[in-house]
Amino acid sequence: MREESKNTEGIVIFLPGLKLDFSCTSADVKLVPLGSSLFNDSLTEGNQLFHVSYSTTESVDTSGFSRALSGESFPGAEIPYTWTILRKDHQVGIHIDFDDDLQLEEVFGVIDFSQNTISAALVPGDGVQEISIDPLFQPFGSVLMVVLAHYQDDVLVHASGVLENVKGRLFTAVSGTGKSTMAGIWKSEGATVINDDRLWLRKIGDRWYMFNTPMPYYAQKPLMAPLNEIFLIRQSPDNEVTKLAGINAAMRFMANGIQHFYDKEMTGRHLDRILDIASQVPIYDCGFKLSNDIVREIKGLRD
């Protein structure tokens, strides 16, 4: 039997609308904040508190849960894994099965929305005496953030975002199309990069805002910006920016969202949020070439 401990790490991480209070109930688990280390200040008010605990176990028990959704790591991932979202009453389970991780074989986390608790059981690899993890270690942390964002009617999207003066612009596309490149171009023009890969969108009052999120090995403090414009980007020999409208704009934007939906109600609520964003925020098709000319082109837009 593994040694039990009252060890509470005293680590608090803030996400948009959320406060996560982390602890360990096994002495062989050590929390070492990496990508999440600077997310100890809140940018939002009225945060919901969730207590998150980590422990070790010899095997996980998913009995009573039904599979809702599953997937796997992208081809060529350094540490291959499969993930599954499961459900039971007011609980959501997240199961990660690692193929070749140095520390872990499996993780099974249970989110109990009636108690605002998240309990994660870790199965160590053979011979592992101590597990050192970031509180939002990957991929468990990423799937957890998706579930929590959907739970409170927020949106996660594959996108980069920049703040220039008081204007926030979001650039979204499939992987490898130029999100980071576009963010770098704006940074060279003096803009602040909110994040260059993933953004959390949250409505505060009657306005939408974009936030960065903790990412592994990415030391960035929490940032936010108003969501003033959205660009669906693609590389092109010429700069060309065209405003989109109606359902076409909304559906094209939604295509780049992180959509781990596991019931019809969740899908419907997400669609409502996308339509609300599209009704408030101009959405553009944006072809761009690799030069800073695109910055002047976009800054010259008039609604």
Protein backbone atom coordinates (compact mmCIF):
# COMPACT_ATOMS: atom_id res chain seq x y z
CA MET A 1 0.00 0.00 0.00
CA ARG A 2 1.27 3.45 -0.89
CA GLU A 3 1.92 5.95 1.89
CA GLU A 4 -0.88 8.43 2.46
CA SER A 5 -0.15 12.02 3.36
CA LYS A 6 -1.95 15.15 4.44
CA ASN A 7 0.38 17.08 2.17
CA THR A 8 -1.28 20.20 0.84
CA GLU A 9 0.92 22.00 -1.62
CA GLY A 10 -0.79 25.37 -1.22
CA ILE A 11 -0.76 25.87 -4.99
CA VAL A 12 -3.56 27.97 -6.45
CA ILE A 13 -4.05 28.50 -10.17
CA PHE A 14 -6.53 30.91 -11.71
CA LEU A 15 -8.25 30.36 -15.03
CA PRO A 16 -10.96 32.62 -16.47
CA GLY A 17 -13.85 32.42 -13.99
CA LEU A 18 -12.15 29.66 -11.99
CA LYS A 19 -9.92 29.20 -8.96
CA LEU A 20 -8.23 25.80 -8.69
CA ASP A 21 -6.82 24.86 -5.27
CA PHE A 22 -4.37 21.93 -5.59
CA SER A 23 -3.28 19.37 -3.03
CA CYS A 24 -1.69 15.92 -2.90
CA THR A 25 -3.01 13.08 -0.76
CA SER A 26 -0.11 10.74 -1.54
CA ALA A 27 3.42 11.42 -0.33
CA ASP A 28 4.90 10.19 -3.62
CA VAL A 29 3.32 12.96 -5.71
CA LYS A 30 5.10 16.29 -5.97
CA LEU A 31 3.59 19.31 -7.70
CA VAL A 32 6.17 21.36 -9.59
CA PRO A 33 4.57 24.30 -11.41
CA LEU A 34 6.10 24.86 -14.85
CA GLY A 35 3.74 26.28 -17.45
CA SER A 36 1.22 27.11 -14.74
CA SER A 37 3.70 28.77 -12.36
CA LEU A 38 2.68 32.37 -13.11
CA PHE A 39 -1.08 31.83 -13.12
CA ASN A 40 -1.45 32.67 -9.43
CA ASP A 41 -3.26 35.98 -9.96
CA SER A 42 -6.85 36.33 -11.09
CA LEU A 43 -7.97 38.45 -14.04
CA THR A 44 -11.68 37.79 -13.41
CA GLU A 45 -14.08 38.34 -10.52
CA GLY A 46 -16.49 35.90 -8.89
CA ASN A 47 -14.35 32.85 -9.61
CA GLN A 48 -15.79 29.40 -8.89
CA LEU A 49 -13.58 27.41 -6.54
CA PHE A 50 -12.65 23.81 -7.36
CA HIS A 51 -10.53 21.68 -5.03
CA VAL A 52 -8.13 19.49 -7.02
CA SER A 53 -6.39 16.53 -5.38
CA TYR A 54 -3.79 14.10 -6.75
CA SER A 55 -3.05 10.66 -5.39
CA THR A 56 -1.37 7.48 -6.60
CA THR A 57 -2.96 4.09 -7.07
CA GLU A 58 -2.00 0.69 -8.46
CA SER A 59 -4.89 0.69 -10.96
CA VAL A 60 -7.79 2.93 -11.90
CA ASP A 61 -11.46 2.02 -11.60
CA THR A 62 -13.82 3.45 -14.22
CA SER A 63 -16.73 1.13 -13.39
CA GLY A 64 -20.10 2.85 -13.44
CA PHE A 65 -18.92 5.42 -15.96
CA SER A 66 -20.00 5.35 -19.60
CA ARG A 67 -17.73 6.41 -22.43
CA ALA A 68 -18.78 9.70 -24.02
CA LEU A 69 -15.85 10.71 -26.23
CA SER A 70 -12.31 9.56 -26.97
CA GLY A 71 -9.26 10.49 -29.01
CA GLU A 72 -5.51 10.15 -29.25
CA SER A 73 -2.35 12.22 -29.49
CA PHE A 74 -1.32 13.63 -32.84
CA PRO A 75 0.92 11.47 -35.05
CA GLY A 76 4.56 11.78 -34.06
CA ALA A 77 3.85 12.97 -30.51
CA GLU A 78 6.86 12.60 -28.21
CA ILE A 79 4.74 10.72 -25.66
CA PRO A 80 1.82 8.95 -27.39
CA TYR A 81 -1.42 8.61 -25.43
CA THR A 82 -5.14 8.06 -25.74
CA TRP A 83 -7.77 10.07 -23.86
CA THR A 84 -11.36 9.32 -22.97
CA ILE A 85 -14.11 11.44 -21.44
CA LEU A 86 -16.62 9.44 -19.39
CA ARG A 87 -19.85 10.32 -17.58
CA LYS A 88 -21.79 9.22 -14.54
CA ASP A 89 -24.65 11.33 -13.18
CA HIS A 90 -23.19 14.74 -12.21
CA GLN A 91 -19.62 13.50 -12.63
CA VAL A 92 -17.30 13.69 -15.62
CA GLY A 93 -14.28 11.41 -15.85
CA ILE A 94 -11.06 12.01 -17.78
CA HIS A 95 -8.94 8.93 -18.50
CA ILE A 96 -5.46 9.20 -20.01
CA ASP A 97 -3.57 6.06 -21.06
CA PHE A 98 0.12 6.68 -21.82
CA ASP A 99 2.05 4.49 -24.24
CA ASP A 100 5.58 5.43 -23.19
CA ASP A 101 5.72 8.01 -20.40
CA LEU A 102 8.68 7.94 -18.00
CA GLN A 103 6.51 8.49 -14.92
CA LEU A 104 2.91 7.52 -15.58
CA GLU A 105 0.98 4.63 -17.06
CA GLU A 106 -2.53 6.00 -16.54
CA VAL A 107 -4.48 8.90 -15.06
CA PHE A 108 -8.15 8.91 -14.11
CA GLY A 109 -9.60 12.21 -12.94
CA VAL A 110 -13.18 12.69 -11.76
CA ILE A 111 -14.83 16.11 -11.81
CA ASP A 112 -17.77 16.23 -9.40
CA PHE A 113 -19.76 19.31 -10.32
CA SER A 114 -22.10 18.90 -7.34
CA GLN A 115 -19.16 19.19 -4.93
CA ASN A 116 -16.78 21.34 -7.02
CA THR A 117 -14.03 18.76 -6.60
CA ILE A 118 -11.56 17.18 -9.01
CA SER A 119 -9.89 13.97 -7.82
CA ALA A 120 -7.16 12.48 -10.01
CA ALA A 121 -5.64 9.03 -9.46
CA LEU A 122 -2.19 8.47 -10.98
CA VAL A 123 -0.77 5.05 -11.85
CA PRO A 124 3.05 5.26 -11.68
CA GLY A 125 5.24 3.45 -14.16
CA ASP A 126 7.28 0.44 -13.09
CA GLY A 127 9.94 1.39 -10.56
CA VAL A 128 8.83 5.03 -10.23
CA GLN A 129 9.18 6.13 -6.60
CA GLU A 130 8.09 9.76 -6.92
CA ILE A 131 5.94 11.52 -9.51
CA SER A 132 6.76 15.17 -10.25
CA ILE A 133 4.10 16.95 -12.30
CA ASP A 134 2.89 20.41 -13.14
CA PRO A 135 -0.54 20.91 -11.51
CA LEU A 136 -2.01 21.11 -15.03
CA PHE A 137 0.30 18.52 -16.60
CA GLN A 138 -0.36 17.46 -20.17
CA PRO A 139 -2.53 16.11 -21.63
CA PHE A 140 -4.71 15.83 -18.51
CA GLY A 141 -4.59 19.59 -17.94
CA SER A 142 -5.65 20.40 -21.50
CA VAL A 143 -8.66 18.06 -21.44
CA LEU A 144 -9.60 19.32 -17.97
CA MET A 145 -9.57 22.93 -19.18
CA VAL A 146 -11.79 22.02 -22.14
CA VAL A 147 -14.36 20.39 -19.85
CA LEU A 148 -14.31 23.29 -17.37
CA ALA A 149 -14.57 25.90 -20.13
CA HIS A 150 -17.63 24.19 -21.63
CA TYR A 151 -19.11 23.80 -18.14
CA GLN A 152 -19.20 27.56 -17.61
CA ASP A 153 -20.23 28.41 -21.20
CA ASP A 154 -16.83 29.62 -22.37
CA VAL A 155 -15.01 28.78 -25.62
CA LEU A 156 -11.53 27.40 -26.26
CA VAL A 157 -10.11 27.98 -29.72
CA HIS A 158 -6.93 27.19 -31.65
CA ALA A 159 -5.78 30.75 -32.21
CA SER A 160 -3.23 33.44 -31.55
CA GLY A 161 -4.27 36.76 -30.09
CA VAL A 162 -2.67 40.18 -29.88
CA LEU A 163 -3.44 43.44 -28.11
CA GLU A 164 -2.49 46.60 -29.98
CA ASN A 165 -3.27 49.80 -28.06
CA VAL A 166 -6.74 48.89 -26.72
CA LYS A 167 -7.81 46.61 -29.57
CA GLY A 168 -7.73 42.84 -29.31
CA ARG A 169 -7.43 40.75 -32.47
CA LEU A 170 -7.74 36.98 -32.76
CA PHE A 171 -6.15 34.97 -35.58
CA THR A 172 -7.37 31.41 -36.01
CA ALA A 173 -6.48 28.61 -38.40
CA VAL A 174 -5.61 24.94 -38.52
CA SER A 175 -2.19 23.95 -37.22
CA GLY A 176 0.74 25.07 -39.34
CA THR A 177 -1.13 27.80 -41.20
CA GLY A 178 0.50 30.79 -39.53
CA LYS A 179 -0.99 31.60 -36.12
CA SER A 180 2.43 31.99 -34.50
CA THR A 181 3.82 33.74 -37.57
CA MET A 182 1.02 36.30 -37.48
CA ALA A 183 1.53 36.86 -33.75
CA GLY A 184 5.25 37.40 -34.36
CA ILE A 185 4.55 39.96 -37.07
CA TRP A 186 2.32 41.96 -34.72
CA LYS A 187 4.85 41.65 -31.89
CA SER A 188 7.51 43.17 -34.14
CA GLU A 189 5.14 46.11 -34.60
CA GLY A 190 4.83 46.66 -30.84
CA ALA A 191 1.70 44.63 -30.03
CA THR A 192 1.41 42.38 -26.97
CA VAL A 193 0.96 38.70 -27.78
CA ILE A 194 -1.76 37.19 -25.57
CA ASN A 195 -0.87 33.69 -26.80
CA ASP A 196 0.16 32.19 -30.12
CA ASP A 197 -1.59 28.80 -29.97
CA ARG A 198 -4.68 28.55 -27.72
CA LEU A 199 -7.12 31.14 -26.37
CA TRP A 200 -9.92 30.97 -23.81
CA LEU A 201 -12.91 33.17 -24.71
CA ARG A 202 -15.22 34.37 -21.95
CA LYS A 203 -18.12 36.81 -21.90
CA ILE A 204 -17.99 39.38 -19.11
CA GLY A 205 -21.04 41.59 -18.94
CA ASP A 206 -22.02 42.12 -22.56
CA ARG A 207 -18.53 41.83 -24.06
CA TRP A 208 -16.30 38.93 -25.06
CA TYR A 209 -12.68 38.76 -23.95
CA MET A 210 -9.77 36.48 -24.79
CA PHE A 211 -7.35 35.00 -22.25
CA ASN A 212 -4.21 32.92 -22.44
CA THR A 213 -3.99 29.60 -20.58
CA PRO A 214 -1.17 27.70 -18.86
CA MET A 215 0.89 25.67 -21.31
CA PRO A 216 3.75 23.23 -20.62
CA TYR A 217 7.22 24.79 -20.65
CA TYR A 218 5.76 28.18 -21.64
CA ALA A 219 6.49 30.79 -18.96
CA GLN A 220 3.82 33.41 -19.55
CA LYS A 221 1.85 35.45 -17.03
CA PRO A 222 -1.96 35.65 -17.29
CA LEU A 223 -3.10 38.07 -19.98
CA MET A 224 -6.45 39.20 -21.34
CA ALA A 225 -7.74 41.50 -24.04
CA PRO A 226 -11.11 42.52 -25.46
CA LEU A 227 -12.18 40.51 -28.47
CA ASN A 228 -12.62 43.21 -31.12
CA GLU A 229 -11.88 41.41 -34.39
CA ILE A 230 -11.51 37.81 -35.58
CA PHE A 231 -9.44 36.77 -38.61
CA LEU A 232 -9.60 33.37 -40.30
CA ILE A 233 -6.09 33.31 -41.67
CA ARG A 234 -4.40 31.53 -44.56
CA GLN A 235 -1.11 32.15 -46.28
CA SER A 236 -1.40 33.87 -49.65
CA PRO A 237 0.90 35.52 -52.22
CA ASP A 238 -1.04 38.74 -51.61
CA ASN A 239 -2.71 40.34 -48.62
CA GLU A 240 -6.49 40.11 -48.95
CA VAL A 241 -8.97 40.76 -46.15
CA THR A 242 -12.70 40.20 -46.71
CA LYS A 243 -15.43 40.61 -44.12
CA LEU A 244 -17.69 37.61 -43.63
CA ALA A 245 -21.29 37.70 -42.48
CA GLY A 246 -24.06 35.60 -41.04
CA ILE A 247 -23.99 31.86 -40.52
CA ASN A 248 -21.00 31.46 -42.86
CA ALA A 249 -18.86 33.61 -40.57
CA ALA A 250 -20.02 31.76 -37.45
CA MET A 251 -19.52 28.26 -38.88
CA ARG A 252 -16.09 28.98 -40.27
CA PHE A 253 -15.01 30.39 -36.93
CA MET A 254 -16.49 27.44 -35.03
CA ALA A 255 -14.47 25.00 -37.16
CA ASN A 256 -11.30 26.03 -35.29
CA GLY A 257 -12.80 25.69 -31.83
CA ILE A 258 -11.70 22.93 -29.45
CA GLN A 259 -14.87 20.87 -29.52
CA HIS A 260 -14.72 17.94 -27.11
CA PHE A 261 -18.52 17.77 -26.78
CA TYR A 262 -20.10 14.76 -25.15
CA ASP A 263 -23.84 15.52 -25.21
CA LYS A 264 -26.37 17.34 -27.39
CA GLU A 265 -27.06 20.02 -24.79
CA MET A 266 -23.39 20.95 -24.64
CA THR A 267 -23.20 21.13 -28.44
CA GLY A 268 -26.26 23.39 -28.57
CA ARG A 269 -24.90 25.72 -25.89
CA HIS A 270 -21.59 25.96 -27.72
CA LEU A 271 -23.35 26.87 -30.97
CA ASP A 272 -25.26 29.60 -29.11
CA ARG A 273 -21.98 31.05 -27.85
CA ILE A 274 -20.42 31.01 -31.32
CA LEU A 275 -23.47 32.76 -32.79
CA ASP A 276 -23.32 35.34 -30.01
CA ILE A 277 -19.65 36.03 -30.74
CA ALA A 278 -20.36 36.31 -34.48
CA SER A 279 -23.18 38.77 -33.81
CA GLN A 280 -20.88 41.07 -31.80
CA VAL A 281 -17.41 40.67 -33.29
CA PRO A 282 -16.49 41.26 -36.96
CA ILE A 283 -15.07 38.14 -38.62
CA TYR A 284 -12.77 38.34 -41.65
CA ASP A 285 -11.25 35.95 -44.14
CA CYS A 286 -7.58 36.93 -44.19
CA GLY A 287 -5.01 35.84 -46.73
CA PHE A 288 -1.56 37.17 -45.86
CA LYS A 289 1.99 37.07 -47.11
CA LEU A 290 4.98 36.91 -44.80
CA SER A 291 5.58 40.62 -44.32
CA ASN A 292 4.53 43.36 -41.93
CA ASP A 293 2.32 44.91 -44.60
CA ILE A 294 -0.59 42.87 -43.26
CA VAL A 295 -0.51 44.90 -40.04
CA ARG A 296 -1.18 48.14 -41.89
CA GLU A 297 -3.83 46.43 -44.02
CA ILE A 298 -5.72 45.25 -40.94
CA LYS A 299 -5.31 48.48 -38.98
CA GLY A 300 -6.84 50.31 -41.93
CA LEU A 301 -10.07 48.28 -41.87
CA ARG A 302 -13.34 50.10 -41.38
CA ASP A 303 -16.51 48.27 -40.35
